[in-house]
């Protein structure tokens, strides 16, 4: 009799374990399903991510309408393979990189908004620099060859009667390297994006913004010319086709997040520091107004991006992936 009772207890215990395993499997299955339904967003450590910070906070608190997973990278090269492999659904990247990705994926991605305009500045302690022409014979430090700063600088040199051969262009892998170099040697000249400009100037009081590259771009383009578009947001077409509603919701939440940081730089600065983009809140607060964080969609977005890419294409077809994107590159509802 005791053996039968023991045997029944064993069977009951086994049944209980099986039920628990089954319950755990169901829970894991639900979690996997939730992760799959979330939009995976990739952005760069800088102004593009700054425009997302309020949305990131709301997502963490469960207040966002969509479910999101965010990835912040140092360079666009880290995000592109993830987009190609389908591990990211949406990415915030330089405008020319978006065009390159469009060509590489044979039209597999679409631009849905402009997230940043001109954020590039020439920084130095050399107050004699008053124009692009004054850069002749100088050494200029900037981030990687073939990146947005490189193309913008070479375009502006050409439009001012100079070429890359008239200057010594020294390329660094990250903006932080350029900023550190300037902090140590204020006589050097560096091309930097915000918020690294403000950080560099804060580290050495001898440094100043000597040239606003957006203003220099506008000078050569004229009133009817293109705008200097720094960053755009792209989505994989499969996501746009399968869940356009979620993409539209992201656009709305991205716009709200952008407005929030622009309207209250003091509160936004805290989020910038928490995200590890800038080390100190006063620097972040001062930099935000100079970051040109925007959310431009529709026809205005298409006109801005297409005109900007045309300028780059005329300078170097390789800068946009060999050819200009077609009409399907732009999401104009």
C-alpha atoms as a PDB file:
ATOM      1  CA  UNK A   1       0.000   0.000   0.000  1.00  0.00           C
ATOM      2  CA  UNK A   2       2.828   2.387   0.930  1.00  0.00           C
ATOM      3  CA  UNK A   3       4.499   1.657  -2.421  1.00  0.00           C
ATOM      4  CA  UNK A   4       1.283   2.588  -4.277  1.00  0.00           C
ATOM      5  CA  UNK A   5       0.994   5.858  -2.313  1.00  0.00           C
ATOM      6  CA  UNK A   6       4.641   6.694  -3.052  1.00  0.00           C
ATOM      7  CA  UNK A   7       4.147   5.886  -6.715  1.00  0.00           C
ATOM      8  CA  UNK A   8       1.087   8.128  -6.895  1.00  0.00           C
ATOM      9  CA  UNK A   9       3.031  10.943  -5.234  1.00  0.00           C
ATOM     10  CA  UNK A  10       5.806  10.545  -7.795  1.00  0.00           C
ATOM     11  CA  UNK A  11       3.300  10.692 -10.642  1.00  0.00           C
ATOM     12  CA  UNK A  12       1.653  13.764  -9.134  1.00  0.00           C
ATOM     13  CA  UNK A  13       5.030  15.466  -8.767  1.00  0.00           C
ATOM     14  CA  UNK A  14       5.938  14.664 -12.380  1.00  0.00           C
ATOM     15  CA  UNK A  15       2.584  16.007 -13.539  1.00  0.00           C
ATOM     16  CA  UNK A  16       3.155  19.202 -11.545  1.00  0.00           C
ATOM     17  CA  UNK A  17       6.626  19.676 -13.064  1.00  0.00           C
ATOM     18  CA  UNK A  18       5.241  19.138 -16.562  1.00  0.00           C
ATOM     19  CA  UNK A  19       2.542  21.741 -15.916  1.00  0.00           C
ATOM     20  CA  UNK A  20       5.146  24.228 -14.691  1.00  0.00           C
ATOM     21  CA  UNK A  21       7.362  23.590 -17.738  1.00  0.00           C
ATOM     22  CA  UNK A  22       4.354  24.060 -19.980  1.00  0.00           C
ATOM     23  CA  UNK A  23       3.445  27.322 -18.262  1.00  0.00           C
ATOM     24  CA  UNK A  24       6.998  28.619 -18.607  1.00  0.00           C
ATOM     25  CA  UNK A  25       7.024  27.668 -22.295  1.00  0.00           C
ATOM     26  CA  UNK A  26       3.787  29.565 -22.838  1.00  0.00           C
ATOM     27  CA  UNK A  27       5.203  32.612 -21.040  1.00  0.00           C
ATOM     28  CA  UNK A  28       8.372  32.487 -23.124  1.00  0.00           C
ATOM     29  CA  UNK A  29       6.292  32.110 -26.227  1.00  0.00           C
ATOM     30  CA  UNK A  30       4.326  35.224 -25.345  1.00  0.00           C
ATOM     31  CA  UNK A  31       7.500  37.168 -24.631  1.00  0.00           C
ATOM     32  CA  UNK A  32       8.967  36.148 -27.963  1.00  0.00           C
ATOM     33  CA  UNK A  33       5.773  37.216 -29.684  1.00  0.00           C
ATOM     34  CA  UNK A  34       5.867  40.600 -27.924  1.00  0.00           C
ATOM     35  CA  UNK A  35       9.500  41.136 -28.899  1.00  0.00           C
ATOM     36  CA  UNK A  36       8.695  40.264 -32.493  1.00  0.00           C
ATOM     37  CA  UNK A  37       5.821  42.780 -32.587  1.00  0.00           C
ATOM     38  CA  UNK A  38       8.017  45.587 -31.221  1.00  0.00           C
ATOM     39  CA  UNK A  39       9.686  48.016 -33.584  1.00  0.00           C
ATOM     40  CA  UNK A  40      13.481  47.771 -33.403  1.00  0.00           C
ATOM     41  CA  UNK A  41      14.971  51.262 -33.728  1.00  0.00           C
ATOM     42  CA  UNK A  42      18.633  52.073 -34.374  1.00  0.00           C
ATOM     43  CA  UNK A  43      20.174  55.537 -33.998  1.00  0.00           C
ATOM     44  CA  UNK A  44      23.542  57.234 -33.723  1.00  0.00           C
ATOM     45  CA  UNK A  45      25.142  58.580 -30.562  1.00  0.00           C
ATOM     46  CA  UNK A  46      24.410  62.258 -31.147  1.00  0.00           C
ATOM     47  CA  UNK A  47      21.560  64.537 -32.267  1.00  0.00           C
ATOM     48  CA  UNK A  48      19.579  61.748 -33.954  1.00  0.00           C
ATOM     49  CA  UNK A  49      19.349  59.871 -30.666  1.00  0.00           C
ATOM     50  CA  UNK A  50      18.683  63.089 -28.757  1.00  0.00           C
ATOM     51  CA  UNK A  51      15.447  63.523 -30.673  1.00  0.00           C
ATOM     52  CA  UNK A  52      14.366  60.060 -29.506  1.00  0.00           C
ATOM     53  CA  UNK A  53      15.179  60.415 -25.814  1.00  0.00           C
ATOM     54  CA  UNK A  54      11.707  61.320 -24.570  1.00  0.00           C
ATOM     55  CA  UNK A  55      10.249  58.458 -26.597  1.00  0.00           C
ATOM     56  CA  UNK A  56      12.847  56.097 -25.109  1.00  0.00           C
ATOM     57  CA  UNK A  57      11.823  57.204 -21.627  1.00  0.00           C
ATOM     58  CA  UNK A  58       8.121  56.733 -22.352  1.00  0.00           C
ATOM     59  CA  UNK A  59       8.833  53.310 -23.829  1.00  0.00           C
ATOM     60  CA  UNK A  60      10.701  52.214 -20.697  1.00  0.00           C
ATOM     61  CA  UNK A  61       7.788  53.390 -18.557  1.00  0.00           C
ATOM     62  CA  UNK A  62       5.261  51.592 -20.745  1.00  0.00           C
ATOM     63  CA  UNK A  63       3.617  54.864 -21.807  1.00  0.00           C
ATOM     64  CA  UNK A  64       4.468  54.717 -25.527  1.00  0.00           C
ATOM     65  CA  UNK A  65       1.731  53.628 -27.887  1.00  0.00           C
ATOM     66  CA  UNK A  66       4.058  51.264 -29.760  1.00  0.00           C
ATOM     67  CA  UNK A  67       6.397  48.691 -28.261  1.00  0.00           C
ATOM     68  CA  UNK A  68      10.043  49.576 -28.996  1.00  0.00           C
ATOM     69  CA  UNK A  69      13.554  48.220 -28.678  1.00  0.00           C
ATOM     70  CA  UNK A  70      16.298  50.850 -29.087  1.00  0.00           C
ATOM     71  CA  UNK A  71      19.910  50.420 -30.210  1.00  0.00           C
ATOM     72  CA  UNK A  72      22.393  53.301 -30.102  1.00  0.00           C
ATOM     73  CA  UNK A  73      25.543  52.996 -32.212  1.00  0.00           C
ATOM     74  CA  UNK A  74      28.681  55.089 -32.634  1.00  0.00           C
ATOM     75  CA  UNK A  75      28.822  54.922 -36.439  1.00  0.00           C
ATOM     76  CA  UNK A  76      26.377  54.254 -39.272  1.00  0.00           C
ATOM     77  CA  UNK A  77      28.502  51.262 -40.294  1.00  0.00           C
ATOM     78  CA  UNK A  78      27.205  49.467 -37.203  1.00  0.00           C
ATOM     79  CA  UNK A  79      23.564  50.024 -38.150  1.00  0.00           C
ATOM     80  CA  UNK A  80      23.632  49.183 -41.866  1.00  0.00           C
ATOM     81  CA  UNK A  81      24.288  45.414 -41.517  1.00  0.00           C
ATOM     82  CA  UNK A  82      21.498  45.208 -38.932  1.00  0.00           C
ATOM     83  CA  UNK A  83      19.074  46.835 -41.370  1.00  0.00           C
ATOM     84  CA  UNK A  84      20.157  44.550 -44.201  1.00  0.00           C
ATOM     85  CA  UNK A  85      19.744  41.450 -42.011  1.00  0.00           C
ATOM     86  CA  UNK A  86      16.357  42.621 -40.763  1.00  0.00           C
ATOM     87  CA  UNK A  87      17.490  42.954 -37.146  1.00  0.00           C
ATOM     88  CA  UNK A  88      16.494  46.632 -37.215  1.00  0.00           C
ATOM     89  CA  UNK A  89      13.177  47.889 -38.556  1.00  0.00           C
ATOM     90  CA  UNK A  90      13.888  51.616 -38.472  1.00  0.00           C
ATOM     91  CA  UNK A  91      17.209  53.478 -38.461  1.00  0.00           C
ATOM     92  CA  UNK A  92      18.216  57.113 -38.072  1.00  0.00           C
ATOM     93  CA  UNK A  93      21.225  57.634 -40.341  1.00  0.00           C
ATOM     94  CA  UNK A  94      22.985  60.318 -42.429  1.00  0.00           C
ATOM     95  CA  UNK A  95      21.016  61.240 -45.560  1.00  0.00           C
ATOM     96  CA  UNK A  96      23.666  59.995 -47.985  1.00  0.00           C
ATOM     97  CA  UNK A  97      23.943  56.716 -46.062  1.00  0.00           C
ATOM     98  CA  UNK A  98      20.188  56.240 -46.516  1.00  0.00           C
ATOM     99  CA  UNK A  99      20.671  56.609 -50.279  1.00  0.00           C
ATOM    100  CA  UNK A 100      23.534  54.111 -50.226  1.00  0.00           C
ATOM    101  CA  UNK A 101      21.375  51.646 -48.278  1.00  0.00           C
ATOM    102  CA  UNK A 102      18.527  52.148 -50.748  1.00  0.00           C
ATOM    103  CA  UNK A 103      20.831  51.218 -53.639  1.00  0.00           C
ATOM    104  CA  UNK A 104      22.394  48.270 -51.806  1.00  0.00           C
ATOM    105  CA  UNK A 105      18.989  46.793 -50.961  1.00  0.00           C
ATOM    106  CA  UNK A 106      17.595  47.534 -54.444  1.00  0.00           C
ATOM    107  CA  UNK A 107      14.998  49.905 -53.078  1.00  0.00           C
ATOM    108  CA  UNK A 108      14.311  47.933 -49.915  1.00  0.00           C
ATOM    109  CA  UNK A 109      14.042  50.947 -47.595  1.00  0.00           C
ATOM    110  CA  UNK A 110      12.030  54.177 -47.489  1.00  0.00           C
ATOM    111  CA  UNK A 111      12.764  57.571 -45.919  1.00  0.00           C
ATOM    112  CA  UNK A 112       9.993  58.608 -43.539  1.00  0.00           C
ATOM    113  CA  UNK A 113      11.345  61.838 -42.042  1.00  0.00           C
ATOM    114  CA  UNK A 114      14.251  64.256 -41.680  1.00  0.00           C
ATOM    115  CA  UNK A 115      15.457  64.154 -38.082  1.00  0.00           C
ATOM    116  CA  UNK A 116      18.341  66.652 -38.074  1.00  0.00           C
ATOM    117  CA  UNK A 117      19.460  69.558 -40.236  1.00  0.00           C
ATOM    118  CA  UNK A 118      22.922  71.130 -40.282  1.00  0.00           C
ATOM    119  CA  UNK A 119      24.879  70.361 -37.118  1.00  0.00           C
ATOM    120  CA  UNK A 120      28.416  70.844 -38.431  1.00  0.00           C
ATOM    121  CA  UNK A 121      30.749  73.603 -37.223  1.00  0.00           C
ATOM    122  CA  UNK A 122      34.405  74.459 -37.737  1.00  0.00           C
ATOM    123  CA  UNK A 123      36.029  74.867 -34.330  1.00  0.00           C
ATOM    124  CA  UNK A 124      39.374  76.451 -33.520  1.00  0.00           C
ATOM    125  CA  UNK A 125      41.176  78.993 -31.386  1.00  0.00           C
ATOM    126  CA  UNK A 126      42.444  80.627 -34.587  1.00  0.00           C
ATOM    127  CA  UNK A 127      40.259  83.732 -34.794  1.00  0.00           C
ATOM    128  CA  UNK A 128      41.802  84.695 -38.156  1.00  0.00           C
ATOM    129  CA  UNK A 129      39.529  82.120 -39.810  1.00  0.00           C
ATOM    130  CA  UNK A 130      36.616  84.113 -41.180  1.00  0.00           C
ATOM    131  CA  UNK A 131      35.653  82.190 -44.323  1.00  0.00           C
ATOM    132  CA  UNK A 132      36.095  78.888 -46.131  1.00  0.00           C
ATOM    133  CA  UNK A 133      38.820  80.513 -48.249  1.00  0.00           C
ATOM    134  CA  UNK A 134      40.872  81.054 -45.091  1.00  0.00           C
ATOM    135  CA  UNK A 135      41.260  77.287 -44.760  1.00  0.00           C
ATOM    136  CA  UNK A 136      43.781  77.168 -47.607  1.00  0.00           C
ATOM    137  CA  UNK A 137      47.047  75.624 -46.459  1.00  0.00           C
ATOM    138  CA  UNK A 138      45.550  74.549 -43.125  1.00  0.00           C
ATOM    139  CA  UNK A 139      45.250  71.104 -41.523  1.00  0.00           C
ATOM    140  CA  UNK A 140      41.668  70.160 -40.714  1.00  0.00           C
ATOM    141  CA  UNK A 141      40.709  67.308 -38.433  1.00  0.00           C
ATOM    142  CA  UNK A 142      37.401  65.556 -39.084  1.00  0.00           C
ATOM    143  CA  UNK A 143      35.691  62.190 -38.820  1.00  0.00           C
ATOM    144  CA  UNK A 144      35.957  59.363 -41.354  1.00  0.00           C
ATOM    145  CA  UNK A 145      36.593  59.637 -45.053  1.00  0.00           C
ATOM    146  CA  UNK A 146      33.394  59.304 -47.077  1.00  0.00           C
ATOM    147  CA  UNK A 147      31.134  60.459 -44.245  1.00  0.00           C
ATOM    148  CA  UNK A 148      28.788  63.462 -44.222  1.00  0.00           C
ATOM    149  CA  UNK A 149      31.374  65.894 -42.731  1.00  0.00           C
ATOM    150  CA  UNK A 150      33.862  64.865 -45.418  1.00  0.00           C
ATOM    151  CA  UNK A 151      31.439  65.390 -48.327  1.00  0.00           C
ATOM    152  CA  UNK A 152      30.139  68.689 -46.955  1.00  0.00           C
ATOM    153  CA  UNK A 153      33.645  70.064 -46.417  1.00  0.00           C
ATOM    154  CA  UNK A 154      34.878  69.020 -49.853  1.00  0.00           C
ATOM    155  CA  UNK A 155      31.777  70.495 -51.502  1.00  0.00           C
ATOM    156  CA  UNK A 156      32.210  73.837 -49.707  1.00  0.00           C
ATOM    157  CA  UNK A 157      35.930  73.926 -50.516  1.00  0.00           C
ATOM    158  CA  UNK A 158      35.139  73.411 -54.199  1.00  0.00           C
ATOM    159  CA  UNK A 159      32.406  76.071 -54.227  1.00  0.00           C
ATOM    160  CA  UNK A 160      34.879  78.524 -52.697  1.00  0.00           C
ATOM    161  CA  UNK A 161      37.556  77.897 -55.302  1.00  0.00           C
ATOM    162  CA  UNK A 162      39.562  75.375 -53.293  1.00  0.00           C
ATOM    163  CA  UNK A 163      39.984  71.593 -53.278  1.00  0.00           C
ATOM    164  CA  UNK A 164      40.986  68.920 -50.794  1.00  0.00           C
ATOM    165  CA  UNK A 165      44.550  69.270 -52.110  1.00  0.00           C
ATOM    166  CA  UNK A 166      44.636  72.863 -50.850  1.00  0.00           C
ATOM    167  CA  UNK A 167      44.206  71.582 -47.268  1.00  0.00           C
ATOM    168  CA  UNK A 168      45.536  68.672 -45.251  1.00  0.00           C
ATOM    169  CA  UNK A 169      42.540  66.605 -44.202  1.00  0.00           C
ATOM    170  CA  UNK A 170      43.286  64.404 -41.201  1.00  0.00           C
ATOM    171  CA  UNK A 171      40.589  61.788 -40.587  1.00  0.00           C
ATOM    172  CA  UNK A 172      39.707  60.375 -37.181  1.00  0.00           C
ATOM    173  CA  UNK A 173      37.380  57.469 -36.456  1.00  0.00           C
ATOM    174  CA  UNK A 174      35.146  59.317 -33.979  1.00  0.00           C
ATOM    175  CA  UNK A 175      34.110  62.881 -33.195  1.00  0.00           C
ATOM    176  CA  UNK A 176      35.346  62.413 -29.625  1.00  0.00           C
ATOM    177  CA  UNK A 177      38.905  62.033 -30.967  1.00  0.00           C
ATOM    178  CA  UNK A 178      38.668  65.335 -32.831  1.00  0.00           C
ATOM    179  CA  UNK A 179      37.193  67.044 -29.768  1.00  0.00           C
ATOM    180  CA  UNK A 180      39.974  65.709 -27.516  1.00  0.00           C
ATOM    181  CA  UNK A 181      42.638  66.857 -29.970  1.00  0.00           C
ATOM    182  CA  UNK A 182      41.169  70.381 -30.070  1.00  0.00           C
ATOM    183  CA  UNK A 183      40.908  70.530 -26.284  1.00  0.00           C
ATOM    184  CA  UNK A 184      44.646  69.858 -26.052  1.00  0.00           C
ATOM    185  CA  UNK A 185      45.642  72.096 -28.964  1.00  0.00           C
ATOM    186  CA  UNK A 186      43.312  75.083 -29.523  1.00  0.00           C
ATOM    187  CA  UNK A 187      45.373  76.249 -32.509  1.00  0.00           C
ATOM    188  CA  UNK A 188      44.215  73.170 -34.425  1.00  0.00           C
ATOM    189  CA  UNK A 189      41.119  73.251 -36.654  1.00  0.00           C
ATOM    190  CA  UNK A 190      38.406  70.654 -36.343  1.00  0.00           C
ATOM    191  CA  UNK A 191      35.133  69.980 -38.146  1.00  0.00           C
ATOM    192  CA  UNK A 192      32.673  68.688 -35.571  1.00  0.00           C
ATOM    193  CA  UNK A 193      28.964  68.042 -35.176  1.00  0.00           C
ATOM    194  CA  UNK A 194      26.988  69.085 -32.139  1.00  0.00           C
ATOM    195  CA  UNK A 195      26.986  68.288 -29.257  1.00  0.00           C
ATOM    196  CA  UNK A 196      30.724  67.607 -29.564  1.00  0.00           C
ATOM    197  CA  UNK A 197      31.274  71.252 -30.562  1.00  0.00           C
ATOM    198  CA  UNK A 198      29.921  72.536 -27.254  1.00  0.00           C
ATOM    199  CA  UNK A 199      31.812  69.869 -25.310  1.00  0.00           C
ATOM    200  CA  UNK A 200      35.116  70.783 -26.960  1.00  0.00           C
ATOM    201  CA  UNK A 201      34.626  74.512 -26.332  1.00  0.00           C
ATOM    202  CA  UNK A 202      33.765  73.807 -22.694  1.00  0.00           C
ATOM    203  CA  UNK A 203      37.028  71.879 -22.229  1.00  0.00           C
ATOM    204  CA  UNK A 204      39.158  74.732 -23.537  1.00  0.00           C
ATOM    205  CA  UNK A 205      37.982  78.347 -23.300  1.00  0.00           C
ATOM    206  CA  UNK A 206      40.294  79.346 -26.147  1.00  0.00           C
ATOM    207  CA  UNK A 207      38.148  77.376 -28.619  1.00  0.00           C
ATOM    208  CA  UNK A 208      35.321  78.974 -30.560  1.00  0.00           C
ATOM    209  CA  UNK A 209      33.002  78.250 -33.456  1.00  0.00           C
ATOM    210  CA  UNK A 210      34.770  79.934 -36.350  1.00  0.00           C
ATOM    211  CA  UNK A 211      32.520  78.748 -39.190  1.00  0.00           C
ATOM    212  CA  UNK A 212      28.913  77.566 -39.205  1.00  0.00           C
ATOM    213  CA  UNK A 213      28.852  75.054 -42.059  1.00  0.00           C
ATOM    214  CA  UNK A 214      25.094  75.407 -42.477  1.00  0.00           C
ATOM    215  CA  UNK A 215      25.509  79.149 -43.033  1.00  0.00           C
ATOM    216  CA  UNK A 216      28.353  78.485 -45.479  1.00  0.00           C
ATOM    217  CA  UNK A 217      26.150  75.952 -47.312  1.00  0.00           C
ATOM    218  CA  UNK A 218      23.348  78.497 -47.560  1.00  0.00           C
ATOM    219  CA  UNK A 219      25.755  81.103 -48.969  1.00  0.00           C
ATOM    220  CA  UNK A 220      26.696  78.966 -51.958  1.00  0.00           C
ATOM    221  CA  UNK A 221      23.203  77.544 -52.473  1.00  0.00           C
ATOM    222  CA  UNK A 222      21.296  80.790 -52.351  1.00  0.00           C
ATOM    223  CA  UNK A 223      17.704  81.289 -51.219  1.00  0.00           C
ATOM    224  CA  UNK A 224      16.242  78.756 -53.670  1.00  0.00           C
ATOM    225  CA  UNK A 225      18.931  76.135 -53.080  1.00  0.00           C
ATOM    226  CA  UNK A 226      18.939  72.933 -51.042  1.00  0.00           C
ATOM    227  CA  UNK A 227      19.068  72.685 -47.269  1.00  0.00           C
ATOM    228  CA  UNK A 228      21.882  70.832 -45.549  1.00  0.00           C
ATOM    229  CA  UNK A 229      20.143  67.673 -44.364  1.00  0.00           C
ATOM    230  CA  UNK A 230      22.195  65.806 -41.785  1.00  0.00           C
ATOM    231  CA  UNK A 231      20.033  62.889 -40.675  1.00  0.00           C
ATOM    232  CA  UNK A 232      16.992  61.024 -41.950  1.00  0.00           C
ATOM    233  CA  UNK A 233      14.878  58.159 -40.644  1.00  0.00           C
ATOM    234  CA  UNK A 234      14.429  55.075 -42.820  1.00  0.00           C
ATOM    235  CA  UNK A 235      12.210  52.012 -42.493  1.00  0.00           C
ATOM    236  CA  UNK A 236      12.472  48.595 -44.101  1.00  0.00           C
ATOM    237  CA  UNK A 237       9.755  48.306 -46.743  1.00  0.00           C
ATOM    238  CA  UNK A 238       8.601  44.961 -45.350  1.00  0.00           C
ATOM    239  CA  UNK A 239       7.729  46.664 -42.073  1.00  0.00           C
ATOM    240  CA  UNK A 240       6.023  49.549 -43.873  1.00  0.00           C
ATOM    241  CA  UNK A 241       3.918  47.100 -45.882  1.00  0.00           C
ATOM    242  CA  UNK A 242       3.077  44.774 -42.996  1.00  0.00           C
ATOM    243  CA  UNK A 243       2.460  47.366 -40.280  1.00  0.00           C
ATOM    244  CA  UNK A 244       2.072  50.859 -41.711  1.00  0.00           C
ATOM    245  CA  UNK A 245      -0.052  51.855 -38.730  1.00  0.00           C
ATOM    246  CA  UNK A 246       2.859  51.211 -36.333  1.00  0.00           C
ATOM    247  CA  UNK A 247       5.183  53.241 -38.567  1.00  0.00           C
ATOM    248  CA  UNK A 248       2.728  56.161 -38.570  1.00  0.00           C
ATOM    249  CA  UNK A 249       2.494  55.921 -34.784  1.00  0.00           C
ATOM    250  CA  UNK A 250       6.288  56.024 -34.547  1.00  0.00           C
ATOM    251  CA  UNK A 251       6.372  59.139 -36.725  1.00  0.00           C
ATOM    252  CA  UNK A 252       3.874  60.853 -34.432  1.00  0.00           C
ATOM    253  CA  UNK A 253       5.716  59.795 -31.258  1.00  0.00           C
ATOM    254  CA  UNK A 254       9.066  60.786 -32.765  1.00  0.00           C
ATOM    255  CA  UNK A 255       7.671  64.252 -33.566  1.00  0.00           C
ATOM    256  CA  UNK A 256       6.407  64.628 -29.992  1.00  0.00           C
ATOM    257  CA  UNK A 257       9.764  63.534 -28.584  1.00  0.00           C
ATOM    258  CA  UNK A 258      11.596  66.009 -30.834  1.00  0.00           C
ATOM    259  CA  UNK A 259       9.330  68.868 -29.771  1.00  0.00           C
ATOM    260  CA  UNK A 260       9.797  67.977 -26.102  1.00  0.00           C
ATOM    261  CA  UNK A 261      13.588  68.232 -26.133  1.00  0.00           C
ATOM    262  CA  UNK A 262      13.554  71.449 -28.165  1.00  0.00           C
ATOM    263  CA  UNK A 263      10.946  73.051 -25.915  1.00  0.00           C
ATOM    264  CA  UNK A 264      12.751  72.207 -22.680  1.00  0.00           C
ATOM    265  CA  UNK A 265      16.527  71.832 -23.144  1.00  0.00           C
ATOM    266  CA  UNK A 266      17.069  71.920 -19.373  1.00  0.00           C
ATOM    267  CA  UNK A 267      14.983  68.794 -18.767  1.00  0.00           C
ATOM    268  CA  UNK A 268      16.247  67.222 -21.988  1.00  0.00           C
ATOM    269  CA  UNK A 269      19.860  67.708 -20.899  1.00  0.00           C
ATOM    270  CA  UNK A 270      19.336  65.241 -18.063  1.00  0.00           C
ATOM    271  CA  UNK A 271      18.209  62.570 -20.531  1.00  0.00           C
ATOM    272  CA  UNK A 272      21.161  63.332 -22.819  1.00  0.00           C
ATOM    273  CA  UNK A 273      23.584  62.706 -19.952  1.00  0.00           C
ATOM    274  CA  UNK A 274      21.757  59.557 -18.809  1.00  0.00           C
ATOM    275  CA  UNK A 275      22.020  58.210 -22.356  1.00  0.00           C
ATOM    276  CA  UNK A 276      25.778  58.731 -22.302  1.00  0.00           C
ATOM    277  CA  UNK A 277      25.761  61.140 -25.261  1.00  0.00           C
ATOM    278  CA  UNK A 278      27.265  64.079 -23.326  1.00  0.00           C
ATOM    279  CA  UNK A 279      29.061  63.935 -19.982  1.00  0.00           C
ATOM    280  CA  UNK A 280      27.603  67.004 -18.255  1.00  0.00           C
ATOM    281  CA  UNK A 281      24.132  68.571 -18.178  1.00  0.00           C
ATOM    282  CA  UNK A 282      25.247  72.222 -18.678  1.00  0.00           C
ATOM    283  CA  UNK A 283      27.036  71.214 -21.884  1.00  0.00           C
ATOM    284  CA  UNK A 284      24.049  69.235 -23.114  1.00  0.00           C
ATOM    285  CA  UNK A 285      21.647  72.072 -22.319  1.00  0.00           C
ATOM    286  CA  UNK A 286      23.780  74.564 -24.224  1.00  0.00           C
ATOM    287  CA  UNK A 287      24.215  72.219 -27.205  1.00  0.00           C
ATOM    288  CA  UNK A 288      20.568  71.235 -27.773  1.00  0.00           C
ATOM    289  CA  UNK A 289      19.481  74.495 -29.482  1.00  0.00           C
ATOM    290  CA  UNK A 290      22.402  74.131 -31.934  1.00  0.00           C
ATOM    291  CA  UNK A 291      21.612  70.527 -32.866  1.00  0.00           C
ATOM    292  CA  UNK A 292      18.790  71.395 -35.297  1.00  0.00           C
ATOM    293  CA  UNK A 293      16.714  68.443 -34.118  1.00  0.00           C
ATOM    294  CA  UNK A 294      13.606  68.300 -36.316  1.00  0.00           C
ATOM    295  CA  UNK A 295      10.856  66.037 -37.574  1.00  0.00           C
ATOM    296  CA  UNK A 296      10.120  66.947 -41.192  1.00  0.00           C
ATOM    297  CA  UNK A 297       7.821  64.660 -43.163  1.00  0.00           C
ATOM    298  CA  UNK A 298       5.885  64.483 -46.427  1.00  0.00           C
ATOM    299  CA  UNK A 299       6.539  66.732 -49.420  1.00  0.00           C
ATOM    300  CA  UNK A 300       8.846  69.066 -47.487  1.00  0.00           C
ATOM    301  CA  UNK A 301      10.944  66.072 -46.457  1.00  0.00           C
ATOM    302  CA  UNK A 302      11.160  64.824 -50.050  1.00  0.00           C
ATOM    303  CA  UNK A 303      12.151  68.211 -51.429  1.00  0.00           C
ATOM    304  CA  UNK A 304      14.823  68.737 -48.768  1.00  0.00           C
ATOM    305  CA  UNK A 305      16.401  65.305 -49.095  1.00  0.00           C
ATOM    306  CA  UNK A 306      16.272  65.028 -52.896  1.00  0.00           C
ATOM    307  CA  UNK A 307      17.871  68.466 -53.389  1.00  0.00           C
ATOM    308  CA  UNK A 308      20.600  67.679 -50.853  1.00  0.00           C
ATOM    309  CA  UNK A 309      21.387  64.311 -52.441  1.00  0.00           C
ATOM    310  CA  UNK A 310      21.510  65.963 -55.873  1.00  0.00           C
ATOM    311  CA  UNK A 311      24.276  68.269 -54.637  1.00  0.00           C
ATOM    312  CA  UNK A 312      26.237  65.318 -53.259  1.00  0.00           C
ATOM    313  CA  UNK A 313      25.689  63.264 -56.421  1.00  0.00           C
ATOM    314  CA  UNK A 314      27.072  66.042 -58.606  1.00  0.00           C
ATOM    315  CA  UNK A 315      30.121  66.139 -56.387  1.00  0.00           C
ATOM    316  CA  UNK A 316      30.589  62.360 -56.277  1.00  0.00           C
ATOM    317  CA  UNK A 317      28.069  59.680 -57.348  1.00  0.00           C
ATOM    318  CA  UNK A 318      29.684  57.290 -54.874  1.00  0.00           C
ATOM    319  CA  UNK A 319      28.595  59.564 -52.010  1.00  0.00           C
ATOM    320  CA  UNK A 320      24.978  58.474 -52.572  1.00  0.00           C
ATOM    321  CA  UNK A 321      25.624  54.881 -53.644  1.00  0.00           C
ATOM    322  CA  UNK A 322      26.235  55.437 -57.358  1.00  0.00           C
ATOM    323  CA  UNK A 323      22.814  56.722 -58.352  1.00  0.00           C
ATOM    324  CA  UNK A 324      20.052  58.925 -56.986  1.00  0.00           C
ATOM    325  CA  UNK A 325      17.056  57.146 -55.400  1.00  0.00           C
ATOM    326  CA  UNK A 326      13.740  56.948 -57.215  1.00  0.00           C
ATOM    327  CA  UNK A 327      10.398  58.388 -56.143  1.00  0.00           C
ATOM    328  CA  UNK A 328       9.712  55.254 -54.078  1.00  0.00           C
ATOM    329  CA  UNK A 329      12.512  56.322 -51.735  1.00  0.00           C
ATOM    330  CA  UNK A 330      10.196  58.889 -50.125  1.00  0.00           C
ATOM    331  CA  UNK A 331       7.189  58.215 -47.909  1.00  0.00           C
ATOM    332  CA  UNK A 332       4.669  60.890 -48.791  1.00  0.00           C
ATOM    333  CA  UNK A 333       1.291  59.762 -47.562  1.00  0.00           C
END
